[in-house]
Amino acid sequence: NSIYGQFSDSRATPSNPATALNTLTPLTVEVAD
């Protein structure tokens, strides 16, 4: 699967908000026999 992260400026109504940052991380579950 893939985990999508979103880091966003949490200030209340900022006059110049920071651009939100999006991340993508592979998620793997390995199940043995």
Full PDB file with SEQRES, HELIX, SHEET, SSBOND, CRYST1, ORIGX, SCALE, CONECT and MASTER records, all heavy atoms in Angstrom:
SEQRES   1 A   33  ASN SER ILE TYR GLY GLN PHE SER ASP SER ARG ALA THR          
SEQRES   2 A   33  PRO SER ASN PRO ALA THR ALA LEU ASN THR LEU THR PRO          
SEQRES   3 A   33  LEU THR VAL GLU VAL ALA ASP                                  
SHEET    1 AA1 2 SER A   2  PHE A   7  0                                        
SHEET    2 AA1 2 LEU A  21  PRO A  26 -1                                        
CRYST1    1.000    1.000    1.000  90.00  90.00  90.00 P 1           1          
ORIGX1      1.000000  0.000000  0.000000        0.00000                         
ORIGX2      0.000000  1.000000  0.000000        0.00000                         
ORIGX3      0.000000  0.000000  1.000000        0.00000                         
SCALE1      1.000000  0.000000  0.000000        0.00000                         
SCALE2      0.000000  1.000000  0.000000        0.00000                         
SCALE3      0.000000  0.000000  1.000000        0.00000                         
ATOM      1  N   ASN A   1       0.859  -1.174   0.000  1.00  0.00           N  
ATOM      2  CA  ASN A   1       0.000   0.000   0.000  1.00  0.00           C  
ATOM      3  C   ASN A   1       0.897   1.227   0.000  1.00  0.00           C  
ATOM      4  O   ASN A   1       2.127   1.116  -0.010  1.00  0.00           O  
ATOM      5  CB  ASN A   1      -0.930  -0.008   1.226  1.00  0.00           C  
ATOM      6  CG  ASN A   1      -2.238   0.728   0.972  1.00  0.00           C  
ATOM      7  OD1 ASN A   1      -2.250   1.866   0.529  1.00  0.00           O  
ATOM      8  ND2 ASN A   1      -3.348   0.051   1.258  1.00  0.00           N  
ATOM      9  N   SER A   2       0.294   2.404   0.014  1.00  0.00           N  
ATOM     10  CA  SER A   2       1.039   3.654   0.084  1.00  0.00           C  
ATOM     11  C   SER A   2       0.398   4.541   1.143  1.00  0.00           C  
ATOM     12  O   SER A   2      -0.834   4.647   1.204  1.00  0.00           O  
ATOM     13  CB  SER A   2       1.046   4.381  -1.263  1.00  0.00           C  
ATOM     14  OG  SER A   2       1.724   3.627  -2.247  1.00  0.00           O  
ATOM     15  N   ILE A   3       1.236   5.154   1.962  1.00  0.00           N  
ATOM     16  CA  ILE A   3       0.766   6.089   2.967  1.00  0.00           C  
ATOM     17  C   ILE A   3       1.025   7.503   2.455  1.00  0.00           C  
ATOM     18  O   ILE A   3       2.166   7.870   2.164  1.00  0.00           O  
ATOM     19  CB  ILE A   3       1.474   5.877   4.314  1.00  0.00           C  
ATOM     20  CG1 ILE A   3       1.168   4.485   4.848  1.00  0.00           C  
ATOM     21  CG2 ILE A   3       1.038   6.939   5.312  1.00  0.00           C  
ATOM     22  CD1 ILE A   3      -0.286   4.225   5.153  1.00  0.00           C  
ATOM     23  N   TYR A   4      -0.032   8.268   2.331  1.00  0.00           N  
ATOM     24  CA  TYR A   4       0.063   9.655   1.895  1.00  0.00           C  
ATOM     25  C   TYR A   4      -0.026  10.552   3.127  1.00  0.00           C  
ATOM     26  O   TYR A   4      -0.978  10.467   3.906  1.00  0.00           O  
ATOM     27  CB  TYR A   4      -1.059  10.002   0.924  1.00  0.00           C  
ATOM     28  CG  TYR A   4      -1.049   9.185  -0.341  1.00  0.00           C  
ATOM     29  CD1 TYR A   4      -1.693   7.954  -0.404  1.00  0.00           C  
ATOM     30  CD2 TYR A   4      -0.388   9.640  -1.477  1.00  0.00           C  
ATOM     31  CE1 TYR A   4      -1.682   7.190  -1.561  1.00  0.00           C  
ATOM     32  CE2 TYR A   4      -0.370   8.883  -2.642  1.00  0.00           C  
ATOM     33  CZ  TYR A   4      -1.022   7.658  -2.678  1.00  0.00           C  
ATOM     34  OH  TYR A   4      -1.006   6.903  -3.826  1.00  0.00           O  
ATOM     35  N   GLY A   5       0.996  11.389   3.311  1.00  0.00           N  
ATOM     36  CA  GLY A   5       1.003  12.331   4.427  1.00  0.00           C  
ATOM     37  C   GLY A   5       0.761  13.739   3.932  1.00  0.00           C  
ATOM     38  O   GLY A   5       1.181  14.116   2.828  1.00  0.00           O  
ATOM     39  N   GLN A   6       0.084  14.528   4.718  1.00  0.00           N  
ATOM     40  CA  GLN A   6      -0.182  15.924   4.377  1.00  0.00           C  
ATOM     41  C   GLN A   6       0.173  16.778   5.595  1.00  0.00           C  
ATOM     42  O   GLN A   6      -0.451  16.693   6.652  1.00  0.00           O  
ATOM     43  CB  GLN A   6      -1.640  16.126   3.986  1.00  0.00           C  
ATOM     44  CG  GLN A   6      -1.941  17.507   3.419  1.00  0.00           C  
ATOM     45  CD  GLN A   6      -3.367  17.597   2.917  1.00  0.00           C  
ATOM     46  OE1 GLN A   6      -4.303  17.691   3.702  1.00  0.00           O  
ATOM     47  NE2 GLN A   6      -3.534  17.573   1.594  1.00  0.00           N  
ATOM     48  N   PHE A   7       1.205  17.604   5.437  1.00  0.00           N  
ATOM     49  CA  PHE A   7       1.652  18.511   6.485  1.00  0.00           C  
ATOM     50  C   PHE A   7       1.180  19.913   6.095  1.00  0.00           C  
ATOM     51  O   PHE A   7       1.629  20.470   5.091  1.00  0.00           O  
ATOM     52  CB  PHE A   7       3.171  18.492   6.606  1.00  0.00           C  
ATOM     53  CG  PHE A   7       3.728  17.169   7.049  1.00  0.00           C  
ATOM     54  CD1 PHE A   7       3.735  16.068   6.192  1.00  0.00           C  
ATOM     55  CD2 PHE A   7       4.241  17.004   8.320  1.00  0.00           C  
ATOM     56  CE1 PHE A   7       4.244  14.847   6.593  1.00  0.00           C  
ATOM     57  CE2 PHE A   7       4.754  15.789   8.737  1.00  0.00           C  
ATOM     58  CZ  PHE A   7       4.757  14.712   7.872  1.00  0.00           C  
ATOM     59  N   SER A   8       0.289  20.485   6.879  1.00  0.00           N  
ATOM     60  CA  SER A   8      -0.298  21.777   6.507  1.00  0.00           C  
ATOM     61  C   SER A   8      -0.105  22.802   7.611  1.00  0.00           C  
ATOM     62  O   SER A   8      -0.016  22.471   8.806  1.00  0.00           O  
ATOM     63  CB  SER A   8      -1.785  21.609   6.193  1.00  0.00           C  
ATOM     64  OG  SER A   8      -2.469  21.025   7.276  1.00  0.00           O  
ATOM     65  N   ASP A   9      -0.038  24.063   7.208  1.00  0.00           N  
ATOM     66  CA  ASP A   9       0.097  25.202   8.114  1.00  0.00           C  
ATOM     67  C   ASP A   9      -1.142  25.258   9.005  1.00  0.00           C  
ATOM     68  O   ASP A   9      -2.266  25.397   8.514  1.00  0.00           O  
ATOM     69  CB  ASP A   9       0.238  26.476   7.280  1.00  0.00           C  
ATOM     70  CG  ASP A   9       0.626  27.697   8.106  1.00  0.00           C  
ATOM     71  OD1 ASP A   9       0.378  27.691   9.330  1.00  0.00           O  
ATOM     72  OD2 ASP A   9       1.148  28.657   7.520  1.00  0.00           O  
ATOM     73  N   SER A  10      -0.953  25.139  10.316  1.00  0.00           N  
ATOM     74  CA  SER A  10      -2.105  25.094  11.218  1.00  0.00           C  
ATOM     75  C   SER A  10      -2.412  26.432  11.879  1.00  0.00           C  
ATOM     76  O   SER A  10      -3.275  26.498  12.756  1.00  0.00           O  
ATOM     77  CB  SER A  10      -1.874  24.030  12.302  1.00  0.00           C  
ATOM     78  OG  SER A  10      -0.763  24.378  13.114  1.00  0.00           O  
ATOM     79  N   ARG A  11      -1.736  27.499  11.466  1.00  0.00           N  
ATOM     80  CA  ARG A  11      -2.077  28.807  12.020  1.00  0.00           C  
ATOM     81  C   ARG A  11      -3.481  29.204  11.577  1.00  0.00           C  
ATOM     82  O   ARG A  11      -3.908  28.887  10.463  1.00  0.00           O  
ATOM     83  CB  ARG A  11      -1.072  29.862  11.548  1.00  0.00           C  
ATOM     84  CG  ARG A  11       0.347  29.655  12.069  1.00  0.00           C  
ATOM     85  CD  ARG A  11       1.289  30.690  11.501  1.00  0.00           C  
ATOM     86  NE  ARG A  11       1.407  30.549  10.042  1.00  0.00           N  
ATOM     87  CZ  ARG A  11       1.993  31.440   9.247  1.00  0.00           C  
ATOM     88  NH1 ARG A  11       2.505  32.546   9.774  1.00  0.00           N  
ATOM     89  NH2 ARG A  11       2.060  31.233   7.948  1.00  0.00           N  
ATOM     90  N   ALA A  12      -4.180  29.905  12.427  1.00  0.00           N  
ATOM     91  CA  ALA A  12      -5.544  30.337  12.108  1.00  0.00           C  
ATOM     92  C   ALA A  12      -5.494  31.499  11.128  1.00  0.00           C  
ATOM     93  O   ALA A  12      -4.916  32.543  11.420  1.00  0.00           O  
ATOM     94  CB  ALA A  12      -6.272  30.746  13.385  1.00  0.00           C  
ATOM     95  N   THR A  13      -6.074  31.300   9.944  1.00  0.00           N  
ATOM     96  CA  THR A  13      -6.171  32.318   8.886  1.00  0.00           C  
ATOM     97  C   THR A  13      -4.874  33.104   8.701  1.00  0.00           C  
ATOM     98  O   THR A  13      -4.847  34.328   8.868  1.00  0.00           O  
ATOM     99  CB  THR A  13      -7.336  33.284   9.156  1.00  0.00           C  
ATOM    100  OG1 THR A  13      -7.100  33.956  10.417  1.00  0.00           O  
ATOM    101  CG2 THR A  13      -8.663  32.543   9.204  1.00  0.00           C  
ATOM    102  N   PRO A  14      -3.767  32.421   8.386  1.00  0.00           N  
ATOM    103  CA  PRO A  14      -2.514  33.155   8.176  1.00  0.00           C  
ATOM    104  C   PRO A  14      -2.598  34.032   6.930  1.00  0.00           C  
ATOM    105  O   PRO A  14      -3.218  33.672   5.932  1.00  0.00           O  
ATOM    106  CB  PRO A  14      -1.482  32.036   8.006  1.00  0.00           C  
ATOM    107  CG  PRO A  14      -2.271  30.860   7.516  1.00  0.00           C  
ATOM    108  CD  PRO A  14      -3.614  30.979   8.166  1.00  0.00           C  
ATOM    109  N   SER A  15      -1.977  35.215   7.006  1.00  0.00           N  
ATOM    110  CA  SER A  15      -1.981  36.115   5.851  1.00  0.00           C  
ATOM    111  C   SER A  15      -1.112  35.578   4.730  1.00  0.00           C  
ATOM    112  O   SER A  15      -1.326  35.908   3.566  1.00  0.00           O  
ATOM    113  CB  SER A  15      -1.487  37.505   6.287  1.00  0.00           C  
ATOM    114  OG  SER A  15      -0.222  37.416   6.927  1.00  0.00           O  
ATOM    115  N   ASN A  16      -0.131  34.769   5.071  1.00  0.00           N  
ATOM    116  CA  ASN A  16       0.754  34.185   4.057  1.00  0.00           C  
ATOM    117  C   ASN A  16       1.029  32.738   4.448  1.00  0.00           C  
ATOM    118  O   ASN A  16       2.064  32.428   5.030  1.00  0.00           O  
ATOM    119  CB  ASN A  16       2.056  34.986   3.975  1.00  0.00           C  
ATOM    120  CG  ASN A  16       2.983  34.462   2.884  1.00  0.00           C  
ATOM    121  OD1 ASN A  16       2.554  33.781   1.954  1.00  0.00           O  
ATOM    122  ND2 ASN A  16       4.267  34.766   3.016  1.00  0.00           N  
ATOM    123  N   PRO A  17       0.089  31.833   4.148  1.00  0.00           N  
ATOM    124  CA  PRO A  17       0.248  30.447   4.621  1.00  0.00           C  
ATOM    125  C   PRO A  17       1.394  29.723   3.920  1.00  0.00           C  
ATOM    126  O   PRO A  17       1.699  29.984   2.758  1.00  0.00           O  
ATOM    127  CB  PRO A  17      -1.100  29.807   4.293  1.00  0.00           C  
ATOM    128  CG  PRO A  17      -1.633  30.610   3.149  1.00  0.00           C  
ATOM    129  CD  PRO A  17      -1.152  32.012   3.376  1.00  0.00           C  
ATOM    130  N   ALA A  18       2.007  28.810   4.655  1.00  0.00           N  
ATOM    131  CA  ALA A  18       3.023  27.944   4.053  1.00  0.00           C  
ATOM    132  C   ALA A  18       2.347  26.951   3.116  1.00  0.00           C  
ATOM    133  O   ALA A  18       1.225  26.495   3.364  1.00  0.00           O  
ATOM    134  CB  ALA A  18       3.796  27.198   5.137  1.00  0.00           C  
ATOM    135  N   THR A  19       3.012  26.635   2.035  1.00  0.00           N  
ATOM    136  CA  THR A  19       2.490  25.639   1.099  1.00  0.00           C  
ATOM    137  C   THR A  19       2.465  24.274   1.774  1.00  0.00           C  
ATOM    138  O   THR A  19       3.452  23.851   2.389  1.00  0.00           O  
ATOM    139  CB  THR A  19       3.369  25.574  -0.162  1.00  0.00           C  
ATOM    140  OG1 THR A  19       3.389  26.862  -0.780  1.00  0.00           O  
ATOM    141  CG2 THR A  19       2.834  24.543  -1.147  1.00  0.00           C  
ATOM    142  N   ALA A  20       1.332  23.596   1.702  1.00  0.00           N  
ATOM    143  CA  ALA A  20       1.202  22.264   2.305  1.00  0.00           C  
ATOM    144  C   ALA A  20       2.210  21.309   1.667  1.00  0.00           C  
ATOM    145  O   ALA A  20       2.477  21.373   0.458  1.00  0.00           O  
ATOM    146  CB  ALA A  20      -0.214  21.732   2.143  1.00  0.00           C  
ATOM    147  N   LEU A  21       2.754  20.446   2.476  1.00  0.00           N  
ATOM    148  CA  LEU A  21       3.727  19.468   1.997  1.00  0.00           C  
ATOM    149  C   LEU A  21       3.073  18.097   1.965  1.00  0.00           C  
ATOM    150  O   LEU A  21       2.491  17.658   2.962  1.00  0.00           O  
ATOM    151  CB  LEU A  21       4.947  19.434   2.916  1.00  0.00           C  
ATOM    152  CG  LEU A  21       6.007  18.419   2.535  1.00  0.00           C  
ATOM    153  CD1 LEU A  21       6.790  18.895   1.329  1.00  0.00           C  
ATOM    154  CD2 LEU A  21       6.952  18.157   3.697  1.00  0.00           C  
ATOM    155  N   ASN A  22       3.154  17.415   0.840  1.00  0.00           N  
ATOM    156  CA  ASN A  22       2.598  16.070   0.698  1.00  0.00           C  
ATOM    157  C   ASN A  22       3.730  15.059   0.583  1.00  0.00           C  
ATOM    158  O   ASN A  22       4.713  15.290  -0.135  1.00  0.00           O  
ATOM    159  CB  ASN A  22       1.700  15.984  -0.540  1.00  0.00           C  
ATOM    160  CG  ASN A  22       0.463  16.838  -0.409  1.00  0.00           C  
ATOM    161  OD1 ASN A  22      -0.188  16.834   0.630  1.00  0.00           O  
ATOM    162  ND2 ASN A  22       0.121  17.575  -1.446  1.00  0.00           N  
ATOM    163  N   THR A  23       3.604  13.960   1.310  1.00  0.00           N  
ATOM    164  CA  THR A  23       4.616  12.908   1.290  1.00  0.00           C  
ATOM    165  C   THR A  23       3.981  11.594   0.845  1.00  0.00           C  
ATOM    166  O   THR A  23       2.766  11.397   0.966  1.00  0.00           O  
ATOM    167  CB  THR A  23       5.254  12.720   2.674  1.00  0.00           C  
ATOM    168  OG1 THR A  23       4.241  12.322   3.613  1.00  0.00           O  
ATOM    169  CG2 THR A  23       5.912  14.001   3.153  1.00  0.00           C  
ATOM    170  N   LEU A  24       4.797  10.712   0.343  1.00  0.00           N  
ATOM    171  CA  LEU A  24       4.348   9.391  -0.100  1.00  0.00           C  
ATOM    172  C   LEU A  24       5.353   8.356   0.404  1.00  0.00           C  
ATOM    173  O   LEU A  24       6.535   8.437   0.081  1.00  0.00           O  
ATOM    174  CB  LEU A  24       4.245   9.332  -1.626  1.00  0.00           C  
ATOM    175  CG  LEU A  24       3.921   7.964  -2.247  1.00  0.00           C  
ATOM    176  CD1 LEU A  24       2.563   7.466  -1.771  1.00  0.00           C  
ATOM    177  CD2 LEU A  24       3.951   8.056  -3.769  1.00  0.00           C  
ATOM    178  N   THR A  25       4.867   7.400   1.198  1.00  0.00           N  
ATOM    179  CA  THR A  25       5.732   6.375   1.780  1.00  0.00           C  
ATOM    180  C   THR A  25       5.156   4.992   1.494  1.00  0.00           C  
ATOM    181  O   THR A  25       3.987   4.743   1.815  1.00  0.00           O  
ATOM    182  CB  THR A  25       5.858   6.566   3.302  1.00  0.00           C  
ATOM    183  OG1 THR A  25       6.276   7.900   3.583  1.00  0.00           O  
ATOM    184  CG2 THR A  25       6.871   5.588   3.873  1.00  0.00           C  
ATOM    185  N   PRO A  26       5.937   4.084   0.896  1.00  0.00           N  
ATOM    186  CA  PRO A  26       5.448   2.712   0.687  1.00  0.00           C  
ATOM    187  C   PRO A  26       5.213   2.003   2.023  1.00  0.00           C  
ATOM    188  O   PRO A  26       6.021   2.123   2.945  1.00  0.00           O  
ATOM    189  CB  PRO A  26       6.574   2.050  -0.111  1.00  0.00           C  
ATOM    190  CG  PRO A  26       7.370   3.174  -0.690  1.00  0.00           C  
ATOM    191  CD  PRO A  26       7.273   4.290   0.295  1.00  0.00           C  
ATOM    192  N   LEU A  27       4.106   1.274   2.102  1.00  0.00           N  
ATOM    193  CA  LEU A  27       3.784   0.459   3.272  1.00  0.00           C  
ATOM    194  C   LEU A  27       3.665  -0.988   2.816  1.00  0.00           C  
ATOM    195  O   LEU A  27       2.892  -1.293   1.906  1.00  0.00           O  
ATOM    196  CB  LEU A  27       2.477   0.925   3.909  1.00  0.00           C  
ATOM    197  CG  LEU A  27       1.880   0.005   4.985  1.00  0.00           C  
ATOM    198  CD1 LEU A  27       2.797  -0.083   6.193  1.00  0.00           C  
ATOM    199  CD2 LEU A  27       0.495   0.485   5.389  1.00  0.00           C  
ATOM    200  N   THR A  28       4.427  -1.875   3.448  1.00  0.00           N  
ATOM    201  CA  THR A  28       4.430  -3.290   3.072  1.00  0.00           C  
ATOM    202  C   THR A  28       4.211  -4.146   4.305  1.00  0.00           C  
ATOM    203  O   THR A  28       4.817  -3.917   5.353  1.00  0.00           O  
ATOM    204  CB  THR A  28       5.762  -3.681   2.412  1.00  0.00           C  
ATOM    205  OG1 THR A  28       6.004  -2.839   1.286  1.00  0.00           O  
ATOM    206  CG2 THR A  28       5.728  -5.127   1.944  1.00  0.00           C  
ATOM    207  N   VAL A  29       3.330  -5.152   4.145  1.00  0.00           N  
ATOM    208  CA  VAL A  29       3.138  -6.163   5.188  1.00  0.00           C  
ATOM    209  C   VAL A  29       3.605  -7.495   4.607  1.00  0.00           C  
ATOM    210  O   VAL A  29       3.070  -7.964   3.599  1.00  0.00           O  
ATOM    211  CB  VAL A  29       1.667  -6.255   5.637  1.00  0.00           C  
ATOM    212  CG1 VAL A  29       1.511  -7.315   6.723  1.00  0.00           C  
ATOM    213  CG2 VAL A  29       1.175  -4.897   6.133  1.00  0.00           C  
ATOM    214  N   GLU A  30       4.627  -8.075   5.217  1.00  0.00           N  
ATOM    215  CA  GLU A  30       5.191  -9.342   4.758  1.00  0.00           C  
ATOM    216  C   GLU A  30       4.732 -10.459   5.699  1.00  0.00           C  
ATOM    217  O   GLU A  30       5.104 -10.483   6.880  1.00  0.00           O  
ATOM    218  CB  GLU A  30       6.716  -9.281   4.745  1.00  0.00           C  
ATOM    219  CG  GLU A  30       7.308  -8.284   3.745  1.00  0.00           C  
ATOM    220  CD  GLU A  30       7.359  -8.841   2.329  1.00  0.00           C  
ATOM    221  OE1 GLU A  30       6.950 -10.009   2.143  1.00  0.00           O  
ATOM    222  OE2 GLU A  30       7.810  -8.112   1.438  1.00  0.00           O  
ATOM    223  N   VAL A  31       3.920 -11.380   5.164  1.00  0.00           N  
ATOM    224  CA  VAL A  31       3.426 -12.498   5.964  1.00  0.00           C  
ATOM    225  C   VAL A  31       4.147 -13.765   5.524  1.00  0.00           C  
ATOM    226  O   VAL A  31       4.066 -14.170   4.358  1.00  0.00           O  
ATOM    227  CB  VAL A  31       1.903 -12.669   5.817  1.00  0.00           C  
ATOM    228  CG1 VAL A  31       1.417 -13.830   6.692  1.00  0.00           C  
ATOM    229  CG2 VAL A  31       1.180 -11.373   6.189  1.00  0.00           C  
ATOM    230  N   ALA A  32       4.876 -14.383   6.459  1.00  0.00           N  
ATOM    231  CA  ALA A  32       5.655 -15.589   6.144  1.00  0.00           C  
ATOM    232  C   ALA A  32       4.733 -16.806   6.007  1.00  0.00           C  
ATOM    233  O   ALA A  32       3.588 -16.805   6.456  1.00  0.00           O  
ATOM    234  CB  ALA A  32       6.690 -15.828   7.232  1.00  0.00           C  
ATOM    235  N   ASP A  33       5.273 -17.861   5.366  1.00  0.00           N  
ATOM    236  CA  ASP A  33       4.564 -19.139   5.268  1.00  0.00           C  
ATOM    237  C   ASP A  33       4.752 -19.859   6.593  1.00  0.00           C  
ATOM    238  O   ASP A  33       5.780 -20.481   6.853  1.00  0.00           O  
ATOM    239  CB  ASP A  33       5.131 -19.952   4.108  1.00  0.00           C  
ATOM    240  CG  ASP A  33       4.390 -21.279   3.908  1.00  0.00           C  
ATOM    241  OD1 ASP A  33       3.394 -21.513   4.628  1.00  0.00           O  
ATOM    242  OD2 ASP A  33       4.820 -22.068   3.060  1.00  0.00           O  
TER     243      ASP A  33                                                      
MASTER        0    0    0    0    2    0    0    6  242    1    0    3          
END                                                                             
